[in-house]
Amino acid sequence: MTSDRNDARRDLPRFPNVLIPPSSGLIIPSSPHHPVSLLSTADVDRTQVQRILDVAADFGRNVRGRRDLLGDHVVATLFFEPSTRTRLSFEAAANRLGARVITMSDPAASSTSKGETLDDTARIVEGYADLIVLRHPQDGAAREVAALVSVPVINAGDGTGEHPTQALLDLFTIRQERGRLEGQRVALIGDLRNGRTVHSLSRLLARFGCPMLLVSPPGLALPAPLLAELGELGANVAVATFEEALSNADVIYVTRIQKERFVDLAEYEAVRGSYRLTADAVRRLAPAATIMHPLPRVDEVALDVDTLPNAAYFRQAGNGVPVRMALLALLLRALPW
């Protein structure tokens, strides 16, 4: 696998040999059917993404106002991995829309600790809720559950696979901060192999004609199958150094090295701290770029960056509420697609 990744990484054009002009965006044909669940960013076309972002913008104008769009619905949040922003913002979103929330945030305090399978848990919860939000350490878990139950399922992160709702709020943040999506040059920096947020976001960036600059430590490049998929979407992708990415990006998207994904901690120690974004580096190389991070951070973004006006990551986290409000309202058919 490492060899495949490295080969794919070498096949990418080296930046700055590829200088990509702004694009009008690749139009993906609309599906004749609206999504029933959200399991991957591949499940939604460009028109549907724009609808989600537009509804989120409407909610965002008064995000603290209570609405009763989902007053007769129950939303279940099942989190088999730790979460702060995703779980709380989903629960806040459901509450803001008038829904009631039932939650499982500690598998050790559930029947999982007694040996109950994910499939059985899903079938049980289906009888209690109108929609399931699932985070699970197993790649493909959300798709597995969606095939079993009759209620909508939202993937809130599945192993190293995808995190589609994070990607949607990232896209929403870029549009809010930059004024438009099309042609924005985005640097993706950090653990691109294990970072499910990057996996989901890159597909959306391709749909909107956003060139991508990839920066990662050795062995943590974007997976080869995803690179091939981006190529099929017509994406403009290039490998860059850290300094090249900062100097040439409109958006700098930094991710942490994910310690929990390493079997051998010695491998983690070899790459930890590979990149560190400081306020001085931003002022020198990227004074007009929007700085984003899906959070949590470790040491890859220095605390002094927080004071810069273009540091958007806390606003980005806050955008999770209106975006997830939009998803809940649309998937539960409280608003039309």
Protein backbone atom coordinates (compact mmCIF):
# COMPACT_ATOMS: atom_id res chain seq x y z
CA MET A 1 0.00 0.00 0.00
CA THR A 2 2.78 2.45 0.88
CA SER A 3 4.44 1.80 -2.45
CA ASP A 4 1.17 2.43 -4.32
CA ARG A 5 0.66 5.70 -2.47
CA ASN A 6 4.20 6.88 -3.13
CA ASP A 7 3.94 5.92 -6.81
CA ALA A 8 0.68 7.85 -7.11
CA ARG A 9 2.27 10.81 -5.37
CA ARG A 10 5.21 10.81 -7.81
CA ASP A 11 2.80 10.74 -10.74
CA LEU A 12 1.30 14.04 -9.66
CA PRO A 13 2.73 17.19 -11.26
CA ARG A 14 5.18 19.05 -9.09
CA PHE A 15 4.13 22.56 -8.11
CA PRO A 16 4.92 25.16 -9.41
CA ASN A 17 5.21 23.42 -12.80
CA VAL A 18 1.42 23.28 -12.86
CA LEU A 19 -0.03 26.77 -12.52
CA ILE A 20 -3.76 26.40 -12.67
CA PRO A 21 -6.02 29.23 -13.85
CA PRO A 22 -9.36 29.75 -12.10
CA SER A 23 -11.99 27.36 -13.39
CA SER A 24 -15.70 27.86 -13.88
CA GLY A 25 -16.16 24.52 -12.14
CA LEU A 26 -16.92 21.02 -13.33
CA ILE A 27 -20.65 20.46 -13.61
CA ILE A 28 -21.72 17.05 -12.40
CA PRO A 29 -25.10 16.00 -13.85
CA SER A 30 -27.93 16.10 -11.32
CA SER A 31 -29.34 12.84 -10.02
CA PRO A 32 -32.99 12.24 -10.84
CA HIS A 33 -33.48 11.27 -7.19
CA HIS A 34 -32.78 13.23 -4.05
CA PRO A 35 -30.47 11.59 -1.50
CA VAL A 36 -32.13 9.52 1.20
CA SER A 37 -28.99 9.38 3.36
CA LEU A 38 -25.63 11.17 3.34
CA LEU A 39 -22.84 8.61 3.45
CA SER A 40 -20.23 10.19 1.17
CA THR A 41 -19.71 13.44 -0.67
CA ALA A 42 -19.93 11.28 -3.79
CA ASP A 43 -23.64 10.84 -2.97
CA VAL A 44 -24.54 14.48 -3.71
CA ASP A 45 -24.17 16.32 -6.98
CA ARG A 46 -23.21 19.94 -7.45
CA THR A 47 -26.81 21.20 -7.55
CA GLN A 48 -27.66 19.40 -4.31
CA VAL A 49 -24.52 20.74 -2.62
CA GLN A 50 -25.49 24.27 -3.60
CA ARG A 51 -28.97 23.71 -2.18
CA ILE A 52 -27.50 22.52 1.15
CA LEU A 53 -25.23 25.56 1.34
CA ASP A 54 -28.05 27.96 0.45
CA VAL A 55 -30.35 26.51 3.13
CA ALA A 56 -27.47 26.67 5.62
CA ALA A 57 -26.93 30.34 4.76
CA ASP A 58 -30.61 31.03 5.45
CA PHE A 59 -30.40 29.29 8.82
CA GLY A 60 -27.10 31.01 9.57
CA ARG A 61 -28.68 34.45 9.45
CA ASN A 62 -30.43 33.64 12.74
CA VAL A 63 -28.88 30.37 13.87
CA ARG A 64 -29.96 30.82 17.50
CA GLY A 65 -33.60 31.27 16.63
CA ARG A 66 -35.74 28.23 17.35
CA ARG A 67 -37.77 26.70 14.55
CA ASP A 68 -40.27 23.86 14.73
CA LEU A 69 -39.58 22.33 11.34
CA LEU A 70 -38.78 18.99 13.00
CA GLY A 71 -41.10 19.23 15.99
CA ASP A 72 -42.46 15.71 15.49
CA HIS A 73 -39.11 14.02 14.80
CA VAL A 74 -36.54 12.18 16.91
CA VAL A 75 -32.85 12.22 15.88
CA ALA A 76 -30.47 9.56 17.23
CA THR A 77 -26.74 10.33 17.50
CA LEU A 78 -24.65 7.16 17.81
CA PHE A 79 -20.99 7.90 18.42
CA PHE A 80 -18.61 4.96 18.72
CA GLU A 81 -15.59 7.31 18.59
CA PRO A 82 -14.85 10.48 20.59
CA SER A 83 -16.33 13.72 19.30
CA THR A 84 -16.89 17.26 20.50
CA ARG A 85 -17.78 19.47 17.52
CA THR A 86 -19.62 16.95 15.36
CA ARG A 87 -21.83 15.41 18.04
CA LEU A 88 -22.65 18.66 19.83
CA SER A 89 -23.32 20.59 16.63
CA PHE A 90 -25.62 17.85 15.34
CA GLU A 91 -27.51 17.84 18.62
CA ALA A 92 -27.64 21.64 18.65
CA ALA A 93 -28.89 21.61 15.05
CA ALA A 94 -31.64 19.12 15.86
CA ASN A 95 -32.70 21.10 18.91
CA ARG A 96 -32.72 24.39 16.97
CA LEU A 97 -35.16 22.76 14.55
CA GLY A 98 -37.44 21.52 17.34
CA ALA A 99 -36.48 17.83 17.15
CA ARG A 100 -35.85 15.66 20.16
CA VAL A 101 -32.45 13.98 20.45
CA ILE A 102 -31.50 10.59 21.84
CA THR A 103 -27.81 9.86 22.05
CA MET A 104 -25.19 7.20 22.66
CA SER A 105 -21.80 8.80 23.17
CA ASP A 106 -20.03 6.12 25.21
CA PRO A 107 -20.07 2.61 23.73
CA ALA A 108 -18.78 1.24 27.04
CA ALA A 109 -22.07 2.30 28.64
CA SER A 110 -24.17 0.59 25.95
CA SER A 111 -24.90 -3.00 24.95
CA THR A 112 -21.88 -2.81 22.66
CA SER A 113 -19.86 -3.62 25.77
CA LYS A 114 -21.93 -6.82 26.07
CA GLY A 115 -21.11 -7.90 22.54
CA GLU A 116 -24.02 -6.41 20.59
CA THR A 117 -23.14 -5.90 16.93
CA LEU A 118 -23.42 -2.61 15.07
CA ASP A 119 -26.09 -4.15 12.83
CA ASP A 120 -28.24 -5.12 15.79
CA THR A 121 -27.79 -1.71 17.43
CA ALA A 122 -28.88 0.00 14.22
CA ARG A 123 -31.97 -2.17 13.85
CA ILE A 124 -32.95 -1.37 17.44
CA VAL A 125 -32.39 2.38 17.14
CA GLU A 126 -34.34 2.46 13.87
CA GLY A 127 -37.42 1.75 15.95
CA TYR A 128 -36.75 4.75 18.19
CA ALA A 129 -35.67 7.50 15.78
CA ASP A 130 -36.52 9.09 12.44
CA LEU A 131 -32.87 9.64 11.48
CA ILE A 132 -29.55 8.19 12.64
CA VAL A 133 -26.28 10.13 12.84
CA LEU A 134 -23.44 7.61 13.10
CA ARG A 135 -19.73 7.87 13.87
CA HIS A 136 -17.79 4.62 13.88
CA PRO A 137 -14.13 3.52 13.68
CA GLN A 138 -14.86 1.06 10.85
CA ASP A 139 -14.55 2.29 7.27
CA GLY A 140 -17.89 1.85 5.53
CA ALA A 141 -19.89 1.47 8.73
CA ALA A 142 -22.45 4.13 7.81
CA ARG A 143 -23.10 2.55 4.42
CA GLU A 144 -23.54 -0.83 6.10
CA VAL A 145 -26.11 0.61 8.51
CA ALA A 146 -27.94 2.51 5.78
CA ALA A 147 -28.44 -0.76 3.90
CA LEU A 148 -30.15 -2.26 6.94
CA VAL A 149 -32.51 0.45 8.16
CA SER A 150 -35.42 2.34 6.63
CA VAL A 151 -34.61 5.75 8.15
CA PRO A 152 -32.04 8.24 6.79
CA VAL A 153 -28.44 7.77 7.95
CA ILE A 154 -25.82 10.51 8.12
CA ASN A 155 -22.17 9.51 8.19
CA ALA A 156 -20.51 11.53 10.94
CA GLY A 157 -17.14 9.93 10.27
CA ASP A 158 -16.22 6.32 9.48
CA GLY A 159 -12.67 5.31 10.33
CA THR A 160 -10.24 6.75 7.79
CA GLY A 161 -12.97 6.78 5.15
CA GLU A 162 -15.10 9.90 4.96
CA HIS A 163 -16.62 12.77 6.93
CA PRO A 164 -19.10 14.31 4.46
CA THR A 165 -20.80 16.76 6.82
CA GLN A 166 -17.44 18.23 7.83
CA ALA A 167 -16.61 18.67 4.16
CA LEU A 168 -19.90 20.46 3.54
CA LEU A 169 -19.31 22.89 6.40
CA ASP A 170 -15.76 23.39 5.10
CA LEU A 171 -17.15 24.26 1.68
CA PHE A 172 -19.71 26.56 3.31
CA THR A 173 -16.90 28.28 5.22
CA ILE A 174 -14.87 28.83 2.06
CA ARG A 175 -17.88 30.41 0.38
CA GLN A 176 -18.62 32.59 3.41
CA GLU A 177 -15.02 33.70 3.87
CA ARG A 178 -14.00 34.09 0.22
CA GLY A 179 -17.29 35.14 -1.37
CA ARG A 180 -17.29 32.31 -3.90
CA LEU A 181 -16.16 28.72 -4.36
CA GLU A 182 -15.22 28.37 -8.01
CA GLY A 183 -11.50 28.54 -8.72
CA GLN A 184 -10.35 28.96 -5.12
CA ARG A 185 -6.90 27.39 -4.80
CA VAL A 186 -6.86 25.18 -1.70
CA ALA A 187 -3.77 23.81 0.04
CA LEU A 188 -4.45 20.53 1.89
CA ILE A 189 -1.72 20.06 4.49
CA GLY A 190 -0.98 17.25 6.95
CA ASP A 191 -2.14 13.64 7.24
CA LEU A 192 -3.82 13.17 3.87
CA ARG A 193 -3.76 9.37 4.06
CA ASN A 194 -5.82 9.03 7.24
CA GLY A 195 -7.66 12.36 7.21
CA ARG A 196 -11.28 11.53 6.38
CA THR A 197 -12.15 15.23 6.28
CA VAL A 198 -9.68 15.72 3.42
CA HIS A 199 -11.03 12.66 1.59
CA SER A 200 -14.54 14.09 1.57
CA LEU A 201 -13.54 17.70 0.96
CA SER A 202 -11.33 16.93 -2.04
CA ARG A 203 -14.30 15.46 -3.93
CA LEU A 204 -16.34 18.60 -3.34
CA LEU A 205 -13.46 20.88 -4.32
CA ALA A 206 -13.18 18.98 -7.60
CA ARG A 207 -16.86 19.55 -8.30
CA PHE A 208 -16.40 23.30 -7.96
CA GLY A 209 -13.23 23.56 -10.01
CA CYS A 210 -10.94 24.32 -7.07
CA PRO A 211 -7.26 23.50 -7.71
CA MET A 212 -5.63 21.56 -4.89
CA LEU A 213 -2.05 21.70 -3.59
CA LEU A 214 -1.12 18.62 -1.55
CA VAL A 215 1.41 18.79 1.29
CA SER A 216 2.05 15.72 3.45
CA PRO A 217 4.88 13.91 5.25
CA PRO A 218 6.36 10.79 3.61
CA GLY A 219 3.89 7.90 3.70
CA LEU A 220 0.88 10.09 4.46
CA ALA A 221 -0.04 11.16 0.92
CA LEU A 222 -3.60 11.10 -0.41
CA PRO A 223 -4.61 7.47 -1.16
CA ALA A 224 -4.04 6.38 -4.75
CA PRO A 225 -7.67 5.32 -5.40
CA LEU A 226 -8.89 8.75 -4.34
CA LEU A 227 -6.31 10.43 -6.55
CA ALA A 228 -7.60 8.37 -9.46
CA GLU A 229 -11.18 9.35 -8.64
CA LEU A 230 -10.22 13.03 -8.53
CA GLY A 231 -8.57 12.61 -11.91
CA GLU A 232 -11.80 11.20 -13.33
CA LEU A 233 -13.59 14.29 -12.00
CA GLY A 234 -11.15 16.49 -13.91
CA ALA A 235 -9.54 17.88 -10.75
CA ASN A 236 -6.39 19.99 -10.90
CA VAL A 237 -4.08 18.49 -8.28
CA ALA A 238 -0.38 19.09 -7.63
CA VAL A 239 2.15 18.26 -4.94
CA ALA A 240 3.73 21.27 -3.22
CA THR A 241 6.18 22.06 -0.45
CA PHE A 242 4.85 23.73 2.68
CA GLU A 243 6.24 27.12 1.64
CA GLU A 244 4.96 26.82 -1.93
CA ALA A 245 1.48 26.00 -0.67
CA LEU A 246 1.38 28.96 1.72
CA SER A 247 2.58 31.35 -0.97
CA ASN A 248 0.12 30.27 -3.64
CA ALA A 249 -3.11 29.22 -1.89
CA ASP A 250 -6.31 31.17 -1.35
CA VAL A 251 -7.30 28.72 1.39
CA ILE A 252 -4.88 26.89 3.71
CA TYR A 253 -6.51 23.77 5.17
CA VAL A 254 -4.31 22.26 7.88
CA THR A 255 -4.95 18.88 9.51
CA ARG A 256 -3.28 17.13 12.42
CA ILE A 257 -1.19 13.97 12.16
CA GLN A 258 -3.65 11.37 13.49
CA LYS A 259 -1.84 9.49 16.21
CA GLU A 260 -4.78 7.14 16.80
CA ARG A 261 -4.50 5.77 13.23
CA PHE A 262 -0.92 4.51 13.66
CA VAL A 263 -0.35 0.90 14.70
CA ASP A 264 3.35 1.57 15.25
CA LEU A 265 3.86 4.65 17.43
CA ALA A 266 7.45 4.90 16.19
CA GLU A 267 6.03 5.75 12.76
CA TYR A 268 3.92 8.48 14.33
CA GLU A 269 6.88 9.94 16.20
CA ALA A 270 8.83 10.05 12.93
CA VAL A 271 6.28 12.37 11.30
CA ARG A 272 4.76 14.31 14.19
CA GLY A 273 5.46 18.01 14.03
CA SER A 274 6.28 17.84 10.30
CA TYR A 275 4.49 21.14 9.72
CA ARG A 276 3.74 24.05 12.01
CA LEU A 277 1.86 27.13 10.87
CA THR A 278 2.75 30.26 12.81
CA ALA A 279 1.46 33.81 12.69
CA ASP A 280 4.81 34.95 11.32
CA ALA A 281 4.59 32.44 8.45
CA VAL A 282 1.05 33.58 7.64
CA ARG A 283 2.06 37.26 7.64
CA ARG A 284 5.08 36.60 5.40
CA LEU A 285 3.67 34.03 2.97
CA ALA A 286 -0.12 34.04 3.16
CA PRO A 287 -1.41 37.37 4.49
CA ALA A 288 -4.61 37.21 2.41
CA ALA A 289 -5.26 33.45 2.64
CA THR A 290 -8.08 31.96 4.71
CA ILE A 291 -6.71 29.64 7.41
CA MET A 292 -8.86 26.59 8.16
CA HIS A 293 -8.57 23.47 10.32
CA PRO A 294 -11.23 20.81 11.03
CA LEU A 295 -9.99 20.61 14.64
CA PRO A 296 -8.92 19.36 17.08
CA ARG A 297 -5.41 20.70 16.64
CA VAL A 298 -2.29 19.48 18.40
CA ASP A 299 0.68 21.68 17.50
CA GLU A 300 0.32 22.11 13.73
CA VAL A 301 -1.30 25.56 14.08
CA ALA A 302 0.35 27.81 16.67
CA LEU A 303 -1.83 29.63 19.17
CA ASP A 304 -0.60 33.00 17.88
CA VAL A 305 -2.44 32.35 14.59
CA ASP A 306 -5.73 32.67 16.50
CA THR A 307 -5.36 36.45 16.68
CA LEU A 308 -5.13 36.91 12.91
CA PRO A 309 -8.30 38.10 11.14
CA ASN A 310 -7.92 35.45 8.43
CA ALA A 311 -7.86 32.59 10.97
CA ALA A 312 -11.28 31.10 10.24
CA TYR A 313 -11.22 27.75 12.07
CA PHE A 314 -13.40 28.79 15.01
CA ARG A 315 -15.93 30.36 12.63
CA GLN A 316 -15.60 27.16 10.61
CA ALA A 317 -16.55 25.05 13.65
CA GLY A 318 -19.52 27.32 14.33
CA ASN A 319 -20.72 26.78 10.77
CA GLY A 320 -21.36 23.17 11.66
CA VAL A 321 -24.70 24.09 13.22
CA PRO A 322 -26.42 25.78 10.24
CA VAL A 323 -24.99 23.25 7.76
CA ARG A 324 -26.22 20.32 9.84
CA MET A 325 -29.55 22.05 10.35
CA ALA A 326 -29.84 22.20 6.56
CA LEU A 327 -29.00 18.51 6.19
CA LEU A 328 -31.50 17.42 8.83
CA ALA A 329 -34.28 19.56 7.35
CA LEU A 330 -33.62 18.34 3.80
CA LEU A 331 -33.12 14.63 4.54
CA LEU A 332 -36.25 14.56 6.72
CA ARG A 333 -38.17 16.38 3.95
CA ALA A 334 -39.09 19.33 6.14
CA LEU A 335 -37.75 21.50 3.28
CA PRO A 336 -37.78 20.72 -0.43
CA TRP A 337 -34.62 19.85 -2.31
